[in-house]
């Protein structure tokens, strides 16, 4: 089963659109109405988890410790993908698509990539 992706606020919203055009289930923070509202990262992760979506972010500084905090507290999430910032949208699409095709939803459960 393919992952359902949720892109964090720091990821270009056009990525989700482009992925859907390729047949993937992707939702951006902007499309979810959760962008530019200063929603804390733990709440973004909670939203993604509630929606059974793997969150994609460029924010390693906050999400790596957040993953550790959730695990220490016994909380589970649908998965976190931390990507280096890639400004070329085509390259970002290519890399995310490769990741989606390589790993299924079960592999992401409670994991940090």
PDB file of N, CA and C in Angstrom:
ATOM      1  N   UNK A   1       0.845  -1.183   0.000  1.00  0.00           N
ATOM      2  CA  UNK A   1       0.000   0.000   0.000  1.00  0.00           C
ATOM      3  C   UNK A   1       0.890   1.247   0.000  1.00  0.00           C
ATOM      4  N   UNK A   2       0.641   2.140  -0.931  1.00  0.00           N
ATOM      5  CA  UNK A   2       1.436   3.366  -1.030  1.00  0.00           C
ATOM      6  C   UNK A   2       1.122   4.307   0.114  1.00  0.00           C
ATOM      7  N   UNK A   3       2.126   5.125   0.424  1.00  0.00           N
ATOM      8  CA  UNK A   3       1.924   6.097   1.491  1.00  0.00           C
ATOM      9  C   UNK A   3       0.981   7.200   1.035  1.00  0.00           C
ATOM     10  N   UNK A   4       0.328   7.793   2.001  1.00  0.00           N
ATOM     11  CA  UNK A   4      -0.430   9.023   1.812  1.00  0.00           C
ATOM     12  C   UNK A   4       0.454  10.111   2.403  1.00  0.00           C
ATOM     13  N   UNK A   5       0.763  11.104   1.628  1.00  0.00           N
ATOM     14  CA  UNK A   5       1.746  12.103   2.022  1.00  0.00           C
ATOM     15  C   UNK A   5       1.083  13.410   2.445  1.00  0.00           C
ATOM     16  N   UNK A   6       1.659  14.033   3.447  1.00  0.00           N
ATOM     17  CA  UNK A   6       1.264  15.377   3.886  1.00  0.00           C
ATOM     18  C   UNK A   6       2.529  16.211   3.910  1.00  0.00           C
ATOM     19  N   UNK A   7       2.556  17.310   3.147  1.00  0.00           N
ATOM     20  CA  UNK A   7       3.752  18.140   3.109  1.00  0.00           C
ATOM     21  C   UNK A   7       3.646  19.251   4.138  1.00  0.00           C
ATOM     22  N   UNK A   8       4.698  19.391   4.910  1.00  0.00           N
ATOM     23  CA  UNK A   8       4.778  20.413   5.952  1.00  0.00           C
ATOM     24  C   UNK A   8       4.822  21.802   5.315  1.00  0.00           C
ATOM     25  N   UNK A   9       4.649  22.781   6.134  1.00  0.00           N
ATOM     26  CA  UNK A   9       4.577  24.175   5.693  1.00  0.00           C
ATOM     27  C   UNK A   9       5.825  24.626   4.937  1.00  0.00           C
ATOM     28  N   UNK A  10       6.970  24.041   5.256  1.00  0.00           N
ATOM     29  CA  UNK A  10       8.211  24.483   4.621  1.00  0.00           C
ATOM     30  C   UNK A  10       8.485  23.798   3.278  1.00  0.00           C
ATOM     31  N   UNK A  11       7.579  22.935   2.846  1.00  0.00           N
ATOM     32  CA  UNK A  11       7.722  22.245   1.558  1.00  0.00           C
ATOM     33  C   UNK A  11       6.829  22.946   0.537  1.00  0.00           C
ATOM     34  N   UNK A  12       7.362  23.167  -0.639  1.00  0.00           N
ATOM     35  CA  UNK A  12       6.628  23.829  -1.715  1.00  0.00           C
ATOM     36  C   UNK A  12       5.282  23.126  -1.945  1.00  0.00           C
ATOM     37  N   UNK A  13       4.182  23.872  -1.852  1.00  0.00           N
ATOM     38  CA  UNK A  13       2.838  23.298  -1.993  1.00  0.00           C
ATOM     39  C   UNK A  13       2.614  22.687  -3.373  1.00  0.00           C
ATOM     40  N   UNK A  14       3.327  23.169  -4.375  1.00  0.00           N
ATOM     41  CA  UNK A  14       3.188  22.623  -5.735  1.00  0.00           C
ATOM     42  C   UNK A  14       3.595  21.157  -5.800  1.00  0.00           C
ATOM     43  N   UNK A  15       4.394  20.700  -4.838  1.00  0.00           N
ATOM     44  CA  UNK A  15       4.813  19.297  -4.832  1.00  0.00           C
ATOM     45  C   UNK A  15       3.603  18.380  -4.714  1.00  0.00           C
ATOM     46  N   UNK A  16       2.695  18.677  -3.796  1.00  0.00           N
ATOM     47  CA  UNK A  16       1.517  17.826  -3.606  1.00  0.00           C
ATOM     48  C   UNK A  16       0.668  17.779  -4.877  1.00  0.00           C
ATOM     49  N   UNK A  17       0.508  18.904  -5.519  1.00  0.00           N
ATOM     50  CA  UNK A  17      -0.265  18.968  -6.768  1.00  0.00           C
ATOM     51  C   UNK A  17       0.391  18.087  -7.823  1.00  0.00           C
ATOM     52  N   UNK A  18       1.691  18.240  -7.979  1.00  0.00           N
ATOM     53  CA  UNK A  18       2.423  17.464  -8.986  1.00  0.00           C
ATOM     54  C   UNK A  18       2.361  15.967  -8.696  1.00  0.00           C
ATOM     55  N   UNK A  19       2.443  15.595  -7.434  1.00  0.00           N
ATOM     56  CA  UNK A  19       2.371  14.176  -7.079  1.00  0.00           C
ATOM     57  C   UNK A  19       0.980  13.606  -7.366  1.00  0.00           C
ATOM     58  N   UNK A  20      -0.055  14.375  -7.075  1.00  0.00           N
ATOM     59  CA  UNK A  20      -1.418  13.911  -7.381  1.00  0.00           C
ATOM     60  C   UNK A  20      -1.604  13.726  -8.883  1.00  0.00           C
ATOM     61  N   UNK A  21      -1.015  14.621  -9.678  1.00  0.00           N
ATOM     62  CA  UNK A  21      -1.110  14.497 -11.133  1.00  0.00           C
ATOM     63  C   UNK A  21      -0.453  13.208 -11.622  1.00  0.00           C
ATOM     64  N   UNK A  22       0.456  12.670 -10.814  1.00  0.00           N
ATOM     65  CA  UNK A  22       1.132  11.418 -11.143  1.00  0.00           C
ATOM     66  C   UNK A  22       0.443  10.205 -10.493  1.00  0.00           C
ATOM     67  N   UNK A  23      -0.676  10.459  -9.828  1.00  0.00           N
ATOM     68  CA  UNK A  23      -1.459   9.367  -9.269  1.00  0.00           C
ATOM     69  C   UNK A  23      -1.197   9.031  -7.814  1.00  0.00           C
ATOM     70  N   UNK A  24      -0.458   9.896  -7.102  1.00  0.00           N
ATOM     71  CA  UNK A  24      -0.155   9.646  -5.697  1.00  0.00           C
ATOM     72  C   UNK A  24      -1.108  10.428  -4.800  1.00  0.00           C
ATOM     73  N   UNK A  25      -1.281   9.952  -3.590  1.00  0.00           N
ATOM     74  CA  UNK A  25      -2.132  10.616  -2.613  1.00  0.00           C
ATOM     75  C   UNK A  25      -1.264  11.598  -1.827  1.00  0.00           C
ATOM     76  N   UNK A  26      -1.419  12.865  -2.098  1.00  0.00           N
ATOM     77  CA  UNK A  26      -0.602  13.898  -1.448  1.00  0.00           C
ATOM     78  C   UNK A  26      -1.469  15.104  -1.121  1.00  0.00           C
ATOM     79  N   UNK A  27      -1.211  15.671   0.047  1.00  0.00           N
ATOM     80  CA  UNK A  27      -1.938  16.843   0.525  1.00  0.00           C
ATOM     81  C   UNK A  27      -0.924  17.821   1.098  1.00  0.00           C
ATOM     82  N   UNK A  28      -1.014  19.079   0.686  1.00  0.00           N
ATOM     83  CA  UNK A  28      -0.092  20.085   1.223  1.00  0.00           C
ATOM     84  C   UNK A  28      -0.715  20.743   2.451  1.00  0.00           C
ATOM     85  N   UNK A  29       0.134  21.305   3.253  1.00  0.00           N
ATOM     86  CA  UNK A  29      -0.290  22.081   4.421  1.00  0.00           C
ATOM     87  C   UNK A  29      -1.217  23.214   3.970  1.00  0.00           C
ATOM     88  N   UNK A  30      -0.882  23.830   2.855  1.00  0.00           N
ATOM     89  CA  UNK A  30      -1.698  24.920   2.315  1.00  0.00           C
ATOM     90  C   UNK A  30      -3.098  24.426   1.972  1.00  0.00           C
ATOM     91  N   UNK A  31      -3.188  23.305   1.278  1.00  0.00           N
ATOM     92  CA  UNK A  31      -4.486  22.760   0.877  1.00  0.00           C
ATOM     93  C   UNK A  31      -5.330  22.341   2.080  1.00  0.00           C
ATOM     94  N   UNK A  32      -4.656  21.924   3.137  1.00  0.00           N
ATOM     95  CA  UNK A  32      -5.364  21.500   4.352  1.00  0.00           C
ATOM     96  C   UNK A  32      -5.811  22.693   5.197  1.00  0.00           C
ATOM     97  N   UNK A  33      -5.435  23.906   4.771  1.00  0.00           N
ATOM     98  CA  UNK A  33      -5.814  25.108   5.519  1.00  0.00           C
ATOM     99  C   UNK A  33      -5.011  25.282   6.796  1.00  0.00           C
ATOM    100  N   UNK A  34      -3.792  24.736   6.816  1.00  0.00           N
ATOM    101  CA  UNK A  34      -2.970  24.766   8.022  1.00  0.00           C
ATOM    102  C   UNK A  34      -1.649  25.512   7.796  1.00  0.00           C
ATOM    103  N   UNK A  35      -1.605  26.345   6.793  1.00  0.00           N
ATOM    104  CA  UNK A  35      -0.380  27.056   6.425  1.00  0.00           C
ATOM    105  C   UNK A  35      -0.447  28.503   6.907  1.00  0.00           C
ATOM    106  N   UNK A  36       0.697  29.032   7.315  1.00  0.00           N
ATOM    107  CA  UNK A  36       0.825  30.420   7.768  1.00  0.00           C
ATOM    108  C   UNK A  36      -0.036  30.738   8.983  1.00  0.00           C
ATOM    109  N   UNK A  37      -0.282  29.744   9.813  1.00  0.00           N
ATOM    110  CA  UNK A  37      -1.073  29.935  11.031  1.00  0.00           C
ATOM    111  C   UNK A  37      -0.226  29.731  12.284  1.00  0.00           C
ATOM    112  N   UNK A  38       1.075  29.543  12.082  1.00  0.00           N
ATOM    113  CA  UNK A  38       2.013  29.308  13.188  1.00  0.00           C
ATOM    114  C   UNK A  38       1.602  28.094  14.029  1.00  0.00           C
ATOM    115  N   UNK A  39       1.127  27.056  13.338  1.00  0.00           N
ATOM    116  CA  UNK A  39       0.763  25.814  14.018  1.00  0.00           C
ATOM    117  C   UNK A  39       2.052  25.106  14.409  1.00  0.00           C
ATOM    118  N   UNK A  40       2.217  24.775  15.675  1.00  0.00           N
ATOM    119  CA  UNK A  40       3.452  24.120  16.118  1.00  0.00           C
ATOM    120  C   UNK A  40       3.660  22.761  15.435  1.00  0.00           C
ATOM    121  N   UNK A  41       4.920  22.392  15.270  1.00  0.00           N
ATOM    122  CA  UNK A  41       5.261  21.137  14.612  1.00  0.00           C
ATOM    123  C   UNK A  41       4.591  19.925  15.259  1.00  0.00           C
ATOM    124  N   UNK A  42       4.517  19.834  16.592  1.00  0.00           N
ATOM    125  CA  UNK A  42       3.832  18.677  17.170  1.00  0.00           C
ATOM    126  C   UNK A  42       2.366  18.574  16.731  1.00  0.00           C
ATOM    127  N   UNK A  43       1.723  19.710  16.530  1.00  0.00           N
ATOM    128  CA  UNK A  43       0.336  19.694  16.065  1.00  0.00           C
ATOM    129  C   UNK A  43       0.247  19.306  14.590  1.00  0.00           C
ATOM    130  N   UNK A  44       1.241  19.706  13.796  1.00  0.00           N
ATOM    131  CA  UNK A  44       1.262  19.288  12.388  1.00  0.00           C
ATOM    132  C   UNK A  44       1.450  17.766  12.306  1.00  0.00           C
ATOM    133  N   UNK A  45       2.346  17.243  13.125  1.00  0.00           N
ATOM    134  CA  UNK A  45       2.572  15.796  13.129  1.00  0.00           C
ATOM    135  C   UNK A  45       1.325  15.067  13.621  1.00  0.00           C
ATOM    136  N   UNK A  46       0.661  15.606  14.621  1.00  0.00           N
ATOM    137  CA  UNK A  46      -0.576  15.001  15.125  1.00  0.00           C
ATOM    138  C   UNK A  46      -1.651  14.986  14.039  1.00  0.00           C
ATOM    139  N   UNK A  47      -1.765  16.074  13.283  1.00  0.00           N
ATOM    140  CA  UNK A  47      -2.732  16.138  12.186  1.00  0.00           C
ATOM    141  C   UNK A  47      -2.414  15.079  11.142  1.00  0.00           C
ATOM    142  N   UNK A  48      -1.159  15.011  10.724  1.00  0.00           N
ATOM    143  CA  UNK A  48      -0.763  14.013   9.722  1.00  0.00           C
ATOM    144  C   UNK A  48      -1.074  12.603  10.225  1.00  0.00           C
ATOM    145  N   UNK A  49      -0.778  12.354  11.488  1.00  0.00           N
ATOM    146  CA  UNK A  49      -1.023  11.035  12.068  1.00  0.00           C
ATOM    147  C   UNK A  49      -2.517  10.727  12.086  1.00  0.00           C
ATOM    148  N   UNK A  50      -3.321  11.693  12.496  1.00  0.00           N
ATOM    149  CA  UNK A  50      -4.774  11.515  12.524  1.00  0.00           C
ATOM    150  C   UNK A  50      -5.313  11.185  11.136  1.00  0.00           C
ATOM    151  N   UNK A  51      -4.720  11.799  10.121  1.00  0.00           N
ATOM    152  CA  UNK A  51      -5.138  11.581   8.739  1.00  0.00           C
ATOM    153  C   UNK A  51      -4.442  10.358   8.110  1.00  0.00           C
ATOM    154  N   UNK A  52      -3.618   9.676   8.901  1.00  0.00           N
ATOM    155  CA  UNK A  52      -2.850   8.508   8.442  1.00  0.00           C
ATOM    156  C   UNK A  52      -1.939   8.862   7.277  1.00  0.00           C
ATOM    157  N   UNK A  53      -1.294  10.017   7.397  1.00  0.00           N
ATOM    158  CA  UNK A  53      -0.391  10.505   6.364  1.00  0.00           C
ATOM    159  C   UNK A  53       1.027  10.599   6.903  1.00  0.00           C
ATOM    160  N   UNK A  54       1.970  10.274   6.062  1.00  0.00           N
ATOM    161  CA  UNK A  54       3.384  10.463   6.358  1.00  0.00           C
ATOM    162  C   UNK A  54       3.687  11.928   6.100  1.00  0.00           C
ATOM    163  N   UNK A  55       4.360  12.572   7.037  1.00  0.00           N
ATOM    164  CA  UNK A  55       4.677  13.996   6.861  1.00  0.00           C
ATOM    165  C   UNK A  55       6.046  14.140   6.209  1.00  0.00           C
ATOM    166  N   UNK A  56       6.123  15.018   5.224  1.00  0.00           N
ATOM    167  CA  UNK A  56       7.376  15.353   4.543  1.00  0.00           C
ATOM    168  C   UNK A  56       7.747  16.767   4.942  1.00  0.00           C
ATOM    169  N   UNK A  57       8.982  16.937   5.415  1.00  0.00           N
ATOM    170  CA  UNK A  57       9.439  18.242   5.876  1.00  0.00           C
ATOM    171  C   UNK A  57      10.901  18.456   5.492  1.00  0.00           C
ATOM    172  N   UNK A  58      11.307  19.708   5.484  1.00  0.00           N
ATOM    173  CA  UNK A  58      12.722  20.056   5.342  1.00  0.00           C
ATOM    174  C   UNK A  58      13.303  20.422   6.702  1.00  0.00           C
ATOM    175  N   UNK A  59      12.497  20.353   7.732  1.00  0.00           N
ATOM    176  CA  UNK A  59      12.845  20.859   9.055  1.00  0.00           C
ATOM    177  C   UNK A  59      13.411  19.764   9.971  1.00  0.00           C
ATOM    178  N   UNK A  60      14.618  19.335   9.690  1.00  0.00           N
ATOM    179  CA  UNK A  60      15.260  18.294  10.513  1.00  0.00           C
ATOM    180  C   UNK A  60      15.491  18.786  11.937  1.00  0.00           C
ATOM    181  N   UNK A  61      15.815  20.051  12.087  1.00  0.00           N
ATOM    182  CA  UNK A  61      16.129  20.602  13.404  1.00  0.00           C
ATOM    183  C   UNK A  61      15.009  20.368  14.412  1.00  0.00           C
ATOM    184  N   UNK A  62      13.767  20.456  13.963  1.00  0.00           N
ATOM    185  CA  UNK A  62      12.636  20.273  14.870  1.00  0.00           C
ATOM    186  C   UNK A  62      12.042  18.867  14.831  1.00  0.00           C
ATOM    187  N   UNK A  63      12.002  18.260  13.647  1.00  0.00           N
ATOM    188  CA  UNK A  63      11.308  16.976  13.526  1.00  0.00           C
ATOM    189  C   UNK A  63      12.117  15.776  14.008  1.00  0.00           C
ATOM    190  N   UNK A  64      13.430  15.820  13.949  1.00  0.00           N
ATOM    191  CA  UNK A  64      14.223  14.703  14.485  1.00  0.00           C
ATOM    192  C   UNK A  64      14.024  14.594  15.999  1.00  0.00           C
ATOM    193  N   UNK A  65      14.173  15.687  16.767  1.00  0.00           N
ATOM    194  CA  UNK A  65      13.888  15.587  18.202  1.00  0.00           C
ATOM    195  C   UNK A  65      12.413  15.284  18.488  1.00  0.00           C
ATOM    196  N   UNK A  66      11.507  15.785  17.646  1.00  0.00           N
ATOM    197  CA  UNK A  66      10.088  15.516  17.838  1.00  0.00           C
ATOM    198  C   UNK A  66       9.798  14.020  17.716  1.00  0.00           C
ATOM    199  N   UNK A  67      10.409  13.378  16.754  1.00  0.00           N
ATOM    200  CA  UNK A  67      10.272  11.921  16.610  1.00  0.00           C
ATOM    201  C   UNK A  67      10.751  11.223  17.885  1.00  0.00           C
ATOM    202  N   UNK A  68      11.887  11.630  18.399  1.00  0.00           N
ATOM    203  CA  UNK A  68      12.436  11.026  19.623  1.00  0.00           C
ATOM    204  C   UNK A  68      11.514  11.272  20.817  1.00  0.00           C
ATOM    205  N   UNK A  69      10.965  12.472  20.918  1.00  0.00           N
ATOM    206  CA  UNK A  69      10.049  12.799  22.020  1.00  0.00           C
ATOM    207  C   UNK A  69       8.791  11.941  21.962  1.00  0.00           C
ATOM    208  N   UNK A  70       8.233  11.799  20.769  1.00  0.00           N
ATOM    209  CA  UNK A  70       7.024  10.982  20.630  1.00  0.00           C
ATOM    210  C   UNK A  70       7.305   9.539  21.021  1.00  0.00           C
ATOM    211  N   UNK A  71       8.415   9.005  20.565  1.00  0.00           N
ATOM    212  CA  UNK A  71       8.742   7.611  20.891  1.00  0.00           C
ATOM    213  C   UNK A  71       8.976   7.439  22.385  1.00  0.00           C
ATOM    214  N   UNK A  72       9.657   8.393  23.010  1.00  0.00           N
ATOM    215  CA  UNK A  72       9.907   8.323  24.453  1.00  0.00           C
ATOM    216  C   UNK A  72       8.603   8.386  25.241  1.00  0.00           C
ATOM    217  N   UNK A  73       7.606   9.093  24.710  1.00  0.00           N
ATOM    218  CA  UNK A  73       6.313   9.225  25.371  1.00  0.00           C
ATOM    219  C   UNK A  73       5.354   8.089  25.000  1.00  0.00           C
ATOM    220  N   UNK A  74       5.804   7.175  24.151  1.00  0.00           N
ATOM    221  CA  UNK A  74       4.952   6.064  23.727  1.00  0.00           C
ATOM    222  C   UNK A  74       3.936   6.435  22.664  1.00  0.00           C
ATOM    223  N   UNK A  75       4.113   7.598  22.044  1.00  0.00           N
ATOM    224  CA  UNK A  75       3.219   8.030  20.968  1.00  0.00           C
ATOM    225  C   UNK A  75       3.719   7.486  19.639  1.00  0.00           C
ATOM    226  N   UNK A  76       2.805   7.253  18.730  1.00  0.00           N
ATOM    227  CA  UNK A  76       3.171   6.735  17.417  1.00  0.00           C
ATOM    228  C   UNK A  76       2.639   7.658  16.333  1.00  0.00           C
ATOM    229  N   UNK A  77       3.338   7.662  15.213  1.00  0.00           N
ATOM    230  CA  UNK A  77       2.925   8.489  14.078  1.00  0.00           C
ATOM    231  C   UNK A  77       2.969   7.657  12.804  1.00  0.00           C
ATOM    232  N   UNK A  78       2.432   8.204  11.731  1.00  0.00           N
ATOM    233  CA  UNK A  78       2.372   7.490  10.457  1.00  0.00           C
ATOM    234  C   UNK A  78       3.711   7.508   9.720  1.00  0.00           C
ATOM    235  N   UNK A  79       4.642   8.329  10.178  1.00  0.00           N
ATOM    236  CA  UNK A  79       5.964   8.402   9.572  1.00  0.00           C
ATOM    237  C   UNK A  79       6.386   9.836   9.323  1.00  0.00           C
ATOM    238  N   UNK A  80       7.689  10.034   9.335  1.00  0.00           N
ATOM    239  CA  UNK A  80       8.270  11.352   9.072  1.00  0.00           C
ATOM    240  C   UNK A  80       9.375  11.171   8.033  1.00  0.00           C
ATOM    241  N   UNK A  81       9.324  11.961   6.982  1.00  0.00           N
ATOM    242  CA  UNK A  81      10.406  12.006   5.998  1.00  0.00           C
ATOM    243  C   UNK A  81      11.029  13.392   6.098  1.00  0.00           C
ATOM    244  N   UNK A  82      12.308  13.431   6.419  1.00  0.00           N
ATOM    245  CA  UNK A  82      13.041  14.695   6.467  1.00  0.00           C
ATOM    246  C   UNK A  82      13.926  14.742   5.228  1.00  0.00           C
ATOM    247  N   UNK A  83      13.731  15.760   4.423  1.00  0.00           N
ATOM    248  CA  UNK A  83      14.475  15.913   3.181  1.00  0.00           C
ATOM    249  C   UNK A  83      15.324  17.179   3.233  1.00  0.00           C
ATOM    250  N   UNK A  84      16.472  17.100   2.632  1.00  0.00           N
ATOM    251  CA  UNK A  84      17.244  18.322   2.419  1.00  0.00           C
ATOM    252  C   UNK A  84      16.402  19.241   1.533  1.00  0.00           C
ATOM    253  N   UNK A  85      16.576  20.525   1.704  1.00  0.00           N
ATOM    254  CA  UNK A  85      15.837  21.480   0.866  1.00  0.00           C
ATOM    255  C   UNK A  85      16.343  21.363  -0.567  1.00  0.00           C
ATOM    256  N   UNK A  86      15.412  21.133  -1.472  1.00  0.00           N
ATOM    257  CA  UNK A  86      15.725  21.017  -2.893  1.00  0.00           C
ATOM    258  C   UNK A  86      14.877  22.059  -3.603  1.00  0.00           C
ATOM    259  N   UNK A  87      15.508  23.072  -4.147  1.00  0.00           N
ATOM    260  CA  UNK A  87      14.774  24.182  -4.748  1.00  0.00           C
ATOM    261  C   UNK A  87      14.190  23.846  -6.121  1.00  0.00           C
ATOM    262  N   UNK A  88      14.819  22.931  -6.840  1.00  0.00           N
ATOM    263  CA  UNK A  88      14.318  22.551  -8.160  1.00  0.00           C
ATOM    264  C   UNK A  88      13.140  21.596  -7.969  1.00  0.00           C
ATOM    265  N   UNK A  89      11.935  22.060  -8.285  1.00  0.00           N
ATOM    266  CA  UNK A  89      10.733  21.271  -8.053  1.00  0.00           C
ATOM    267  C   UNK A  89      10.792  19.922  -8.770  1.00  0.00           C
ATOM    268  N   UNK A  90      11.289  19.907  -9.983  1.00  0.00           N
ATOM    269  CA  UNK A  90      11.384  18.654 -10.740  1.00  0.00           C
ATOM    270  C   UNK A  90      12.243  17.617 -10.030  1.00  0.00           C
ATOM    271  N   UNK A  91      13.350  18.054  -9.465  1.00  0.00           N
ATOM    272  CA  UNK A  91      14.231  17.146  -8.732  1.00  0.00           C
ATOM    273  C   UNK A  91      13.566  16.664  -7.450  1.00  0.00           C
ATOM    274  N   UNK A  92      12.870  17.541  -6.763  1.00  0.00           N
ATOM    275  CA  UNK A  92      12.164  17.147  -5.544  1.00  0.00           C
ATOM    276  C   UNK A  92      11.080  16.119  -5.865  1.00  0.00           C
ATOM    277  N   UNK A  93      10.330  16.352  -6.925  1.00  0.00           N
ATOM    278  CA  UNK A  93       9.308  15.399  -7.353  1.00  0.00           C
ATOM    279  C   UNK A  93       9.944  14.046  -7.633  1.00  0.00           C
ATOM    280  N   UNK A  94      11.036  14.046  -8.379  1.00  0.00           N
ATOM    281  CA  UNK A  94      11.708  12.795  -8.734  1.00  0.00           C
ATOM    282  C   UNK A  94      12.129  12.021  -7.494  1.00  0.00           C
ATOM    283  N   UNK A  95      12.723  12.714  -6.534  1.00  0.00           N
ATOM    284  CA  UNK A  95      13.208  12.042  -5.321  1.00  0.00           C
ATOM    285  C   UNK A  95      12.068  11.526  -4.445  1.00  0.00           C
ATOM    286  N   UNK A  96      11.010  12.326  -4.307  1.00  0.00           N
ATOM    287  CA  UNK A  96       9.871  11.890  -3.489  1.00  0.00           C
ATOM    288  C   UNK A  96       9.169  10.721  -4.165  1.00  0.00           C
ATOM    289  N   UNK A  97       9.014  10.799  -5.471  1.00  0.00           N
ATOM    290  CA  UNK A  97       8.378   9.697  -6.196  1.00  0.00           C
ATOM    291  C   UNK A  97       9.187   8.409  -6.042  1.00  0.00           C
ATOM    292  N   UNK A  98      10.488   8.493  -6.134  1.00  0.00           N
ATOM    293  CA  UNK A  98      11.340   7.318  -5.931  1.00  0.00           C
ATOM    294  C   UNK A  98      11.138   6.755  -4.528  1.00  0.00           C
ATOM    295  N   UNK A  99      11.051   7.619  -3.543  1.00  0.00           N
ATOM    296  CA  UNK A  99      10.838   7.179  -2.162  1.00  0.00           C
ATOM    297  C   UNK A  99       9.485   6.469  -2.028  1.00  0.00           C
ATOM    298  N   UNK A 100       8.452   7.056  -2.601  1.00  0.00           N
ATOM    299  CA  UNK A 100       7.112   6.462  -2.539  1.00  0.00           C
ATOM    300  C   UNK A 100       7.099   5.083  -3.194  1.00  0.00           C
ATOM    301  N   UNK A 101       7.801   4.942  -4.292  1.00  0.00           N
ATOM    302  CA  UNK A 101       7.828   3.663  -5.002  1.00  0.00           C
ATOM    303  C   UNK A 101       8.708   2.624  -4.296  1.00  0.00           C
ATOM    304  N   UNK A 102       9.622   3.085  -3.459  1.00  0.00           N
ATOM    305  CA  UNK A 102      10.553   2.181  -2.774  1.00  0.00           C
ATOM    306  C   UNK A 102       9.997   1.669  -1.453  1.00  0.00           C
ATOM    307  N   UNK A 103       9.282   2.513  -0.734  1.00  0.00           N
ATOM    308  CA  UNK A 103       8.809   2.169   0.606  1.00  0.00           C
ATOM    309  C   UNK A 103       7.289   2.232   0.671  1.00  0.00           C
ATOM    310  N   UNK A 104       6.675   1.241   1.322  1.00  0.00           N
ATOM    311  CA  UNK A 104       5.220   1.257   1.460  1.00  0.00           C
ATOM    312  C   UNK A 104       4.810   1.919   2.777  1.00  0.00           C
ATOM    313  N   UNK A 105       3.516   2.060   2.971  1.00  0.00           N
ATOM    314  CA  UNK A 105       2.994   2.747   4.156  1.00  0.00           C
ATOM    315  C   UNK A 105       3.406   2.058   5.446  1.00  0.00           C
ATOM    316  N   UNK A 106       3.366   0.727   5.465  1.00  0.00           N
ATOM    317  CA  UNK A 106       3.712  -0.010   6.690  1.00  0.00           C
ATOM    318  C   UNK A 106       5.161   0.221   7.103  1.00  0.00           C
ATOM    319  N   UNK A 107       6.039   0.419   6.156  1.00  0.00           N
ATOM    320  CA  UNK A 107       7.449   0.665   6.436  1.00  0.00           C
ATOM    321  C   UNK A 107       7.638   2.003   7.142  1.00  0.00           C
ATOM    322  N   UNK A 108       6.775   2.953   6.883  1.00  0.00           N
ATOM    323  CA  UNK A 108       6.897   4.295   7.450  1.00  0.00           C
ATOM    324  C   UNK A 108       6.366   4.405   8.880  1.00  0.00           C
ATOM    325  N   UNK A 109       5.492   3.481   9.256  1.00  0.00           N
ATOM    326  CA  UNK A 109       4.805   3.594  10.528  1.00  0.00           C
ATOM    327  C   UNK A 109       5.801   3.783  11.686  1.00  0.00           C
ATOM    328  N   UNK A 110       5.689   4.931  12.339  1.00  0.00           N
ATOM    329  CA  UNK A 110       6.511   5.282  13.499  1.00  0.00           C
ATOM    330  C   UNK A 110       8.015   5.350  13.184  1.00  0.00           C
ATOM    331  N   UNK A 111       8.338   5.643  11.929  1.00  0.00           N
ATOM    332  CA  UNK A 111       9.752   5.700  11.513  1.00  0.00           C
ATOM    333  C   UNK A 111      10.110   7.096  11.031  1.00  0.00           C
ATOM    334  N   UNK A 112      11.384   7.407  11.166  1.00  0.00           N
ATOM    335  CA  UNK A 112      11.951   8.657  10.677  1.00  0.00           C
ATOM    336  C   UNK A 112      12.890   8.320   9.534  1.00  0.00           C
ATOM    337  N   UNK A 113      12.628   8.905   8.367  1.00  0.00           N
ATOM    338  CA  UNK A 113      13.500   8.704   7.203  1.00  0.00           C
ATOM    339  C   UNK A 113      14.257   9.994   6.932  1.00  0.00           C
TER     340      UNK A 113
END
